[in-house]
PDB file of N, CA and C in Angstrom:
ATOM      1  N   MET A   1      93.263  80.029 127.993  1.00  0.00           N
ATOM      2  CA  MET A   1      93.999  81.074 127.312  1.00  0.00           C
ATOM      3  C   MET A   1      95.102  81.570 128.245  1.00  0.00           C
ATOM      4  N   GLU A   2      96.327  81.573 127.748  1.00  0.00           N
ATOM      5  CA  GLU A   2      97.465  82.032 128.538  1.00  0.00           C
ATOM      6  C   GLU A   2      97.694  83.516 128.294  1.00  0.00           C
ATOM      7  N   LYS A   3      97.823  84.293 129.377  1.00  0.00           N
ATOM      8  CA  LYS A   3      98.060  85.735 129.260  1.00  0.00           C
ATOM      9  C   LYS A   3      99.560  86.005 129.281  1.00  0.00           C
ATOM     10  N   ILE A   4     100.000  86.806 128.343  1.00  0.00           N
ATOM     11  CA  ILE A   4     101.393  87.220 128.242  1.00  0.00           C
ATOM     12  C   ILE A   4     101.438  88.722 128.491  1.00  0.00           C
ATOM     13  N   HIS A   5     102.363  89.172 129.334  1.00  0.00           N
ATOM     14  CA  HIS A   5     102.486  90.593 129.651  1.00  0.00           C
ATOM     15  C   HIS A   5     103.798  91.120 129.072  1.00  0.00           C
ATOM     16  N   LEU A   6     103.714  92.218 128.330  1.00  0.00           N
ATOM     17  CA  LEU A   6     104.891  92.855 127.746  1.00  0.00           C
ATOM     18  C   LEU A   6     105.061  94.250 128.328  1.00  0.00           C
ATOM     19  N   LEU A   7     106.271  94.593 128.726  1.00  0.00           N
ATOM     20  CA  LEU A   7     106.600  95.956 129.128  1.00  0.00           C
ATOM     21  C   LEU A   7     107.640  96.460 128.132  1.00  0.00           C
ATOM     22  N   ILE A   8     107.290  97.504 127.399  1.00  0.00           N
ATOM     23  CA  ILE A   8     108.141  98.020 126.329  1.00  0.00           C
ATOM     24  C   ILE A   8     108.713  99.371 126.751  1.00  0.00           C
ATOM     25  N   THR A   9     110.028  99.506 126.660  1.00  0.00           N
ATOM     26  CA  THR A   9     110.688 100.782 126.936  1.00  0.00           C
ATOM     27  C   THR A   9     111.632 101.084 125.776  1.00  0.00           C
ATOM     28  N   ARG A  10     111.853 102.370 125.552  1.00  0.00           N
ATOM     29  CA  ARG A  10     112.766 102.764 124.480  1.00  0.00           C
ATOM     30  C   ARG A  10     114.041 103.320 125.093  1.00  0.00           C
ATOM     31  N   CYS A  11     115.162 102.729 124.723  1.00  0.00           N
ATOM     32  CA  CYS A  11     116.478 103.188 125.168  1.00  0.00           C
ATOM     33  C   CYS A  11     117.269 103.582 123.931  1.00  0.00           C
ATOM     34  N   GLY A  12     117.242 104.875 123.611  1.00  0.00           N
ATOM     35  CA  GLY A  12     117.938 105.351 122.411  1.00  0.00           C
ATOM     36  C   GLY A  12     117.349 104.733 121.157  1.00  0.00           C
ATOM     37  N   PRO A  13     118.183 104.058 120.354  1.00  0.00           N
ATOM     38  CA  PRO A  13     117.692 103.490 119.094  1.00  0.00           C
ATOM     39  C   PRO A  13     117.117 102.074 119.230  1.00  0.00           C
ATOM     40  N   VAL A  14     116.843 101.650 120.470  1.00  0.00           N
ATOM     41  CA  VAL A  14     116.419 100.264 120.707  1.00  0.00           C
ATOM     42  C   VAL A  14     115.178 100.207 121.594  1.00  0.00           C
ATOM     43  N   TRP A  15     114.228  99.347 121.234  1.00  0.00           N
ATOM     44  CA  TRP A  15     113.105  99.011 122.112  1.00  0.00           C
ATOM     45  C   TRP A  15     113.538  97.824 122.962  1.00  0.00           C
ATOM     46  N   ARG A  16     113.383  97.917 124.271  1.00  0.00           N
ATOM     47  CA  ARG A  16     113.644  96.772 125.151  1.00  0.00           C
ATOM     48  C   ARG A  16     112.301  96.250 125.624  1.00  0.00           C
ATOM     49  N   VAL A  17     112.134  94.938 125.590  1.00  0.00           N
ATOM     50  CA  VAL A  17     110.854  94.324 125.919  1.00  0.00           C
ATOM     51  C   VAL A  17     111.063  93.274 127.002  1.00  0.00           C
ATOM     52  N   ARG A  18     110.304  93.415 128.094  1.00  0.00           N
ATOM     53  CA  ARG A  18     110.278  92.380 129.135  1.00  0.00           C
ATOM     54  C   ARG A  18     109.022  91.558 128.902  1.00  0.00           C
ATOM     55  N   ILE A  19     109.175  90.258 128.754  1.00  0.00           N
ATOM     56  CA  ILE A  19     108.055  89.362 128.483  1.00  0.00           C
ATOM     57  C   ILE A  19     107.826  88.503 129.719  1.00  0.00           C
ATOM     58  N   LEU A  20     106.636  88.627 130.300  1.00  0.00           N
ATOM     59  CA  LEU A  20     106.270  87.805 131.453  1.00  0.00           C
ATOM     60  C   LEU A  20     105.257  86.761 131.011  1.00  0.00           C
ATOM     61  N   ILE A  21     105.608  85.503 131.207  1.00  0.00           N
ATOM     62  CA  ILE A  21     104.716  84.389 130.909  1.00  0.00           C
ATOM     63  C   ILE A  21     104.442  83.703 132.244  1.00  0.00           C
ATOM     64  N   PRO A  22     103.197  83.724 132.729  1.00  0.00           N
ATOM     65  CA  PRO A  22     102.896  83.199 134.062  1.00  0.00           C
ATOM     66  C   PRO A  22     103.351  81.760 134.298  1.00  0.00           C
ATOM     67  N   SER A  23     103.374  80.927 133.276  1.00  0.00           N
ATOM     68  CA  SER A  23     103.753  79.527 133.458  1.00  0.00           C
ATOM     69  C   SER A  23     105.269  79.323 133.506  1.00  0.00           C
ATOM     70  N   GLN A  24     106.051  80.392 133.322  1.00  0.00           N
ATOM     71  CA  GLN A  24     107.506  80.279 133.348  1.00  0.00           C
ATOM     72  C   GLN A  24     108.067  81.106 134.500  1.00  0.00           C
ATOM     73  N   PRO A  25     109.122  80.619 135.154  1.00  0.00           N
ATOM     74  CA  PRO A  25     109.594  81.245 136.397  1.00  0.00           C
ATOM     75  C   PRO A  25     110.269  82.600 136.259  1.00  0.00           C
ATOM     76  N   ARG A  26     110.875  82.925 135.114  1.00  0.00           N
ATOM     77  CA  ARG A  26     111.550  84.216 134.980  1.00  0.00           C
ATOM     78  C   ARG A  26     111.145  84.940 133.708  1.00  0.00           C
ATOM     79  N   PRO A  27     111.359  86.251 133.708  1.00  0.00           N
ATOM     80  CA  PRO A  27     111.017  87.029 132.501  1.00  0.00           C
ATOM     81  C   PRO A  27     112.004  86.765 131.366  1.00  0.00           C
ATOM     82  N   HIS A  28     111.534  86.958 130.159  1.00  0.00           N
ATOM     83  CA  HIS A  28     112.370  86.901 128.959  1.00  0.00           C
ATOM     84  C   HIS A  28     112.596  88.341 128.510  1.00  0.00           C
ATOM     85  N   TRP A  29     113.757  88.597 127.931  1.00  0.00           N
ATOM     86  CA  TRP A  29     114.078  89.942 127.448  1.00  0.00           C
ATOM     87  C   TRP A  29     114.373  89.888 125.964  1.00  0.00           C
ATOM     88  N   ARG A  30     113.893  90.872 125.237  1.00  0.00           N
ATOM     89  CA  ARG A  30     114.157  91.005 123.813  1.00  0.00           C
ATOM     90  C   ARG A  30     114.489  92.465 123.525  1.00  0.00           C
ATOM     91  N   ALA A  31     115.221  92.690 122.451  1.00  0.00           N
ATOM     92  CA  ALA A  31     115.542  94.049 122.007  1.00  0.00           C
ATOM     93  C   ALA A  31     115.310  94.124 120.502  1.00  0.00           C
ATOM     94  N   TYR A  32     114.693  95.219 120.057  1.00  0.00           N
ATOM     95  CA  TYR A  32     114.394  95.430 118.644  1.00  0.00           C
ATOM     96  C   TYR A  32     114.812  96.842 118.254  1.00  0.00           C
ATOM     97  N   ARG A  33     115.351  96.998 117.068  1.00  0.00           N
ATOM     98  CA  ARG A  33     115.788  98.303 116.578  1.00  0.00           C
ATOM     99  C   ARG A  33     114.597  99.179 116.216  1.00  0.00           C
ATOM    100  N   VAL A  34     114.643 100.442 116.649  1.00  0.00           N
ATOM    101  CA  VAL A  34     113.579 101.402 116.341  1.00  0.00           C
ATOM    102  C   VAL A  34     113.488 101.621 114.831  1.00  0.00           C
ATOM    103  N   ALA A  35     114.607 101.545 114.130  1.00  0.00           N
ATOM    104  CA  ALA A  35     114.590 101.728 112.674  1.00  0.00           C
ATOM    105  C   ALA A  35     113.738 100.659 111.983  1.00  0.00           C
ATOM    106  N   GLU A  36     113.735  99.440 112.519  1.00  0.00           N
ATOM    107  CA  GLU A  36     112.956  98.350 111.922  1.00  0.00           C
ATOM    108  C   GLU A  36     111.528  98.303 112.450  1.00  0.00           C
ATOM    109  N   TYR A  37     111.332  98.687 113.703  1.00  0.00           N
ATOM    110  CA  TYR A  37     110.013  98.661 114.351  1.00  0.00           C
ATOM    111  C   TYR A  37     109.771 100.037 114.969  1.00  0.00           C
ATOM    112  N   PRO A  38     109.235 101.002 114.202  1.00  0.00           N
ATOM    113  CA  PRO A  38     109.169 102.398 114.646  1.00  0.00           C
ATOM    114  C   PRO A  38     108.147 102.691 115.744  1.00  0.00           C
ATOM    115  N   THR A  39     107.146 101.832 115.950  1.00  0.00           N
ATOM    116  CA  THR A  39     106.114 102.107 116.953  1.00  0.00           C
ATOM    117  C   THR A  39     106.028 100.965 117.958  1.00  0.00           C
ATOM    118  N   PRO A  40     105.517 101.244 119.167  1.00  0.00           N
ATOM    119  CA  PRO A  40     105.322 100.162 120.140  1.00  0.00           C
ATOM    120  C   PRO A  40     104.383  99.071 119.606  1.00  0.00           C
ATOM    121  N   GLU A  41     103.385  99.458 118.805  1.00  0.00           N
ATOM    122  CA  GLU A  41     102.457  98.477 118.240  1.00  0.00           C
ATOM    123  C   GLU A  41     103.184  97.489 117.332  1.00  0.00           C
ATOM    124  N   ALA A  42     104.154  97.975 116.560  1.00  0.00           N
ATOM    125  CA  ALA A  42     104.937  97.093 115.688  1.00  0.00           C
ATOM    126  C   ALA A  42     105.769  96.116 116.519  1.00  0.00           C
ATOM    127  N   VAL A  43     106.284  96.588 117.648  1.00  0.00           N
ATOM    128  CA  VAL A  43     107.059  95.724 118.541  1.00  0.00           C
ATOM    129  C   VAL A  43     106.153  94.648 119.141  1.00  0.00           C
ATOM    130  N   VAL A  44     104.946  95.031 119.545  1.00  0.00           N
ATOM    131  CA  VAL A  44     103.998  94.056 120.103  1.00  0.00           C
ATOM    132  C   VAL A  44     103.678  92.987 119.065  1.00  0.00           C
ATOM    133  N   ARG A  45     103.419  93.404 117.827  1.00  0.00           N
ATOM    134  CA  ARG A  45     103.124  92.428 116.765  1.00  0.00           C
ATOM    135  C   ARG A  45     104.294  91.473 116.564  1.00  0.00           C
ATOM    136  N   ARG A  46     105.517  92.008 116.571  1.00  0.00           N
ATOM    137  CA  ARG A  46     106.714  91.170 116.382  1.00  0.00           C
ATOM    138  C   ARG A  46     106.867  90.174 117.523  1.00  0.00           C
ATOM    139  N   CYS A  47     106.657  90.617 118.753  1.00  0.00           N
ATOM    140  CA  CYS A  47     106.752  89.716 119.907  1.00  0.00           C
ATOM    141  C   CYS A  47     105.685  88.633 119.839  1.00  0.00           C
ATOM    142  N   ALA A  48     104.460  89.018 119.517  1.00  0.00           N
ATOM    143  CA  ALA A  48     103.362  88.049 119.429  1.00  0.00           C
ATOM    144  C   ALA A  48     103.646  87.016 118.342  1.00  0.00           C
ATOM    145  N   GLU A  49     104.177  87.452 117.198  1.00  0.00           N
ATOM    146  CA  GLU A  49     104.525  86.507 116.134  1.00  0.00           C
ATOM    147  C   GLU A  49     105.572  85.514 116.617  1.00  0.00           C
ATOM    148  N   GLY A  50     106.559  85.999 117.362  1.00  0.00           N
ATOM    149  CA  GLY A  50     107.596  85.116 117.886  1.00  0.00           C
ATOM    150  C   GLY A  50     107.063  84.123 118.896  1.00  0.00           C
ATOM    151  N   LEU A  51     106.122  84.555 119.732  1.00  0.00           N
ATOM    152  CA  LEU A  51     105.544  83.651 120.723  1.00  0.00           C
ATOM    153  C   LEU A  51     104.644  82.610 120.074  1.00  0.00           C
ATOM    154  N   VAL A  52     103.870  83.013 119.094  1.00  0.00           N
ATOM    155  CA  VAL A  52     102.946  82.092 118.432  1.00  0.00           C
ATOM    156  C   VAL A  52     103.695  81.087 117.569  1.00  0.00           C
ATOM    157  N   SER A  53     104.804  81.511 116.959  1.00  0.00           N
ATOM    158  CA  SER A  53     105.543  80.602 116.082  1.00  0.00           C
ATOM    159  C   SER A  53     106.150  79.449 116.861  1.00  0.00           C
ATOM    160  N   GLY A  54     106.347  79.621 118.176  1.00  0.00           N
ATOM    161  CA  GLY A  54     106.878  78.539 118.993  1.00  0.00           C
ATOM    162  C   GLY A  54     108.382  78.488 119.069  1.00  0.00           C
ATOM    163  N   HIS A  55     109.084  79.418 118.435  1.00  0.00           N
ATOM    164  CA  HIS A  55     110.540  79.415 118.489  1.00  0.00           C
ATOM    165  C   HIS A  55     111.003  80.407 119.538  1.00  0.00           C
ATOM    166  N   GLU A  56     111.754  79.898 120.512  1.00  0.00           N
ATOM    167  CA  GLU A  56     112.237  80.764 121.585  1.00  0.00           C
ATOM    168  C   GLU A  56     113.318  81.710 121.074  1.00  0.00           C
ATOM    169  N   ASN A  57     114.193  81.209 120.214  1.00  0.00           N
ATOM    170  CA  ASN A  57     115.266  82.044 119.651  1.00  0.00           C
ATOM    171  C   ASN A  57     115.128  82.062 118.141  1.00  0.00           C
ATOM    172  N   ASP A  58     115.330  83.204 117.551  1.00  0.00           N
ATOM    173  CA  ASP A  58     115.423  83.269 116.101  1.00  0.00           C
ATOM    174  C   ASP A  58     116.609  84.144 115.739  1.00  0.00           C
ATOM    175  N   LYS A  59     116.923  84.231 114.457  1.00  0.00           N
ATOM    176  CA  LYS A  59     118.128  84.943 114.041  1.00  0.00           C
ATOM    177  C   LYS A  59     118.092  86.417 114.391  1.00  0.00           C
ATOM    178  N   HIS A  60     116.894  87.018 114.455  1.00  0.00           N
ATOM    179  CA  HIS A  60     116.800  88.437 114.789  1.00  0.00           C
ATOM    180  C   HIS A  60     117.152  88.680 116.253  1.00  0.00           C
ATOM    181  N   ASP A  61     116.729  87.773 117.131  1.00  0.00           N
ATOM    182  CA  ASP A  61     116.958  87.949 118.558  1.00  0.00           C
ATOM    183  C   ASP A  61     118.348  87.495 118.983  1.00  0.00           C
ATOM    184  N   GLU A  62     118.998  86.663 118.178  1.00  0.00           N
ATOM    185  CA  GLU A  62     120.305  86.143 118.527  1.00  0.00           C
ATOM    186  C   GLU A  62     121.291  86.554 117.432  1.00  0.00           C
ATOM    187  N   PRO A  63     122.009  87.660 117.625  1.00  0.00           N
ATOM    188  CA  PRO A  63     122.795  88.228 116.542  1.00  0.00           C
ATOM    189  C   PRO A  63     123.895  87.318 116.000  1.00  0.00           C
ATOM    190  N   TYR A  64     124.454  86.427 116.810  1.00  0.00           N
ATOM    191  CA  TYR A  64     125.551  85.595 116.348  1.00  0.00           C
ATOM    192  C   TYR A  64     125.074  84.262 115.800  1.00  0.00           C
ATOM    193  N   GLY A  65     123.784  83.954 115.895  1.00  0.00           N
ATOM    194  CA  GLY A  65     123.142  82.773 115.316  1.00  0.00           C
ATOM    195  C   GLY A  65     123.989  81.515 115.289  1.00  0.00           C
ATOM    196  N   ASN A  66     123.813  80.638 116.267  1.00  0.00           N
ATOM    197  CA  ASN A  66     124.587  79.406 116.310  1.00  0.00           C
ATOM    198  C   ASN A  66     123.904  78.271 115.556  1.00  0.00           C
ATOM    199  N   GLY A  67     122.797  78.547 114.864  1.00  0.00           N
ATOM    200  CA  GLY A  67     122.127  77.525 114.082  1.00  0.00           C
ATOM    201  C   GLY A  67     121.194  76.642 114.884  1.00  0.00           C
ATOM    202  N   GLU A  68     121.118  76.828 116.188  1.00  0.00           N
ATOM    203  CA  GLU A  68     120.219  76.027 117.016  1.00  0.00           C
ATOM    204  C   GLU A  68     118.936  76.803 117.260  1.00  0.00           C
ATOM    205  N   GLU A  69     117.834  76.074 117.371  1.00  0.00           N
ATOM    206  CA  GLU A  69     116.558  76.691 117.722  1.00  0.00           C
ATOM    207  C   GLU A  69     115.997  75.959 118.920  1.00  0.00           C
ATOM    208  N   LYS A  70     115.567  76.691 119.909  1.00  0.00           N
ATOM    209  CA  LYS A  70     114.886  76.093 121.047  1.00  0.00           C
ATOM    210  C   LYS A  70     113.400  76.231 120.792  1.00  0.00           C
ATOM    211  N   VAL A  71     112.705  75.133 120.771  1.00  0.00           N
ATOM    212  CA  VAL A  71     111.282  75.154 120.456  1.00  0.00           C
ATOM    213  C   VAL A  71     110.480  75.125 121.742  1.00  0.00           C
ATOM    214  N   THR A  72     109.529  76.033 121.845  1.00  0.00           N
ATOM    215  CA  THR A  72     108.640  76.106 122.995  1.00  0.00           C
ATOM    216  C   THR A  72     107.237  75.772 122.525  1.00  0.00           C
ATOM    217  N   GLN A  73     106.577  74.877 123.212  1.00  0.00           N
ATOM    218  CA  GLN A  73     105.213  74.504 122.852  1.00  0.00           C
ATOM    219  C   GLN A  73     104.237  75.386 123.611  1.00  0.00           C
ATOM    220  N   HIS A  74     103.341  76.041 122.909  1.00  0.00           N
ATOM    221  CA  HIS A  74     102.265  76.814 123.527  1.00  0.00           C
ATOM    222  C   HIS A  74     100.964  76.119 123.177  1.00  0.00           C
ATOM    223  N   CYS A  75     100.374  75.430 124.153  1.00  0.00           N
ATOM    224  CA  CYS A  75      99.159  74.648 123.907  1.00  0.00           C
ATOM    225  C   CYS A  75      97.932  75.538 123.806  1.00  0.00           C
ATOM    226  N   LEU A  76      97.936  76.623 124.529  1.00  0.00           N
ATOM    227  CA  LEU A  76      96.745  77.464 124.626  1.00  0.00           C
ATOM    228  C   LEU A  76      96.857  78.692 123.729  1.00  0.00           C
ATOM    229  N   PRO A  77      95.734  79.267 123.326  1.00  0.00           N
ATOM    230  CA  PRO A  77      95.793  80.560 122.628  1.00  0.00           C
ATOM    231  C   PRO A  77      96.385  81.623 123.558  1.00  0.00           C
ATOM    232  N   LEU A  78      97.046  82.602 122.998  1.00  0.00           N
ATOM    233  CA  LEU A  78      97.692  83.640 123.804  1.00  0.00           C
ATOM    234  C   LEU A  78      96.864  84.916 123.819  1.00  0.00           C
ATOM    235  N   ARG A  79      96.831  85.568 124.971  1.00  0.00           N
ATOM    236  CA  ARG A  79      96.272  86.919 125.092  1.00  0.00           C
ATOM    237  C   ARG A  79      97.430  87.805 125.530  1.00  0.00           C
ATOM    238  N   VAL A  80      97.761  88.773 124.698  1.00  0.00           N
ATOM    239  CA  VAL A  80      98.917  89.633 124.971  1.00  0.00           C
ATOM    240  C   VAL A  80      98.426  90.960 125.524  1.00  0.00           C
ATOM    241  N   ARG A  81      98.946  91.343 126.699  1.00  0.00           N
ATOM    242  CA  ARG A  81      98.679  92.658 127.287  1.00  0.00           C
ATOM    243  C   ARG A  81     100.003  93.398 127.300  1.00  0.00           C
ATOM    244  N   TRP A  82      99.969  94.682 126.943  1.00  0.00           N
ATOM    245  CA  TRP A  82     101.229  95.402 126.880  1.00  0.00           C
ATOM    246  C   TRP A  82     101.086  96.833 127.368  1.00  0.00           C
ATOM    247  N   LYS A  83     102.240  97.389 127.776  1.00  0.00           N
ATOM    248  CA  LYS A  83     102.322  98.772 128.239  1.00  0.00           C
ATOM    249  C   LYS A  83     103.645  99.335 127.739  1.00  0.00           C
ATOM    250  N   CYS A  84     103.617 100.580 127.303  1.00  0.00           N
ATOM    251  CA  CYS A  84     104.832 101.237 126.820  1.00  0.00           C
ATOM    252  C   CYS A  84     105.188 102.374 127.773  1.00  0.00           C
ATOM    253  N   TRP A  85     106.429 102.402 128.224  1.00  0.00           N
ATOM    254  CA  TRP A  85     106.891 103.442 129.135  1.00  0.00           C
ATOM    255  C   TRP A  85     107.629 104.564 128.434  1.00  0.00           C
ATOM    256  N   GLY A  86     107.706 104.552 127.139  1.00  0.00           N
ATOM    257  CA  GLY A  86     108.377 105.637 126.425  1.00  0.00           C
ATOM    258  C   GLY A  86     109.884 105.584 126.532  1.00  0.00           C
ATOM    259  N   GLN A  87     110.514 106.746 126.516  1.00  0.00           N
ATOM    260  CA  GLN A  87     111.975 106.850 126.463  1.00  0.00           C
ATOM    261  C   GLN A  87     112.587 106.803 127.855  1.00  0.00           C
ATOM    262  N   LEU A  88     113.609 105.966 128.019  1.00  0.00           N
ATOM    263  CA  LEU A  88     114.406 105.954 129.242  1.00  0.00           C
ATOM    264  C   LEU A  88     115.723 106.644 128.949  1.00  0.00           C
ATOM    265  N   VAL A  89     116.175 107.440 129.882  1.00  0.00           N
ATOM    266  CA  VAL A  89     117.419 108.179 129.669  1.00  0.00           C
ATOM    267  C   VAL A  89     118.541 107.487 130.384  1.00  0.00           C
TER     268      VAL A  89
END
């Protein structure tokens, strides 16, 4: 089972998420609108869905959408651990 670590912070109208995957050398960053995902739990569910689906980029994460998808293979089940730091000023 691969453990995924999420750090969620809120910057104004946006949730910023740092995704740490131990098997990959650098963190991934995602941003989600608070209007669409009002709670940290909703953001965690959205991130987990994106990781399980195997698509590294989707239209929500890439606003200009070039029509390409990078596919990531996850062989193992995922265990997601997360922490929310609240509002950053």
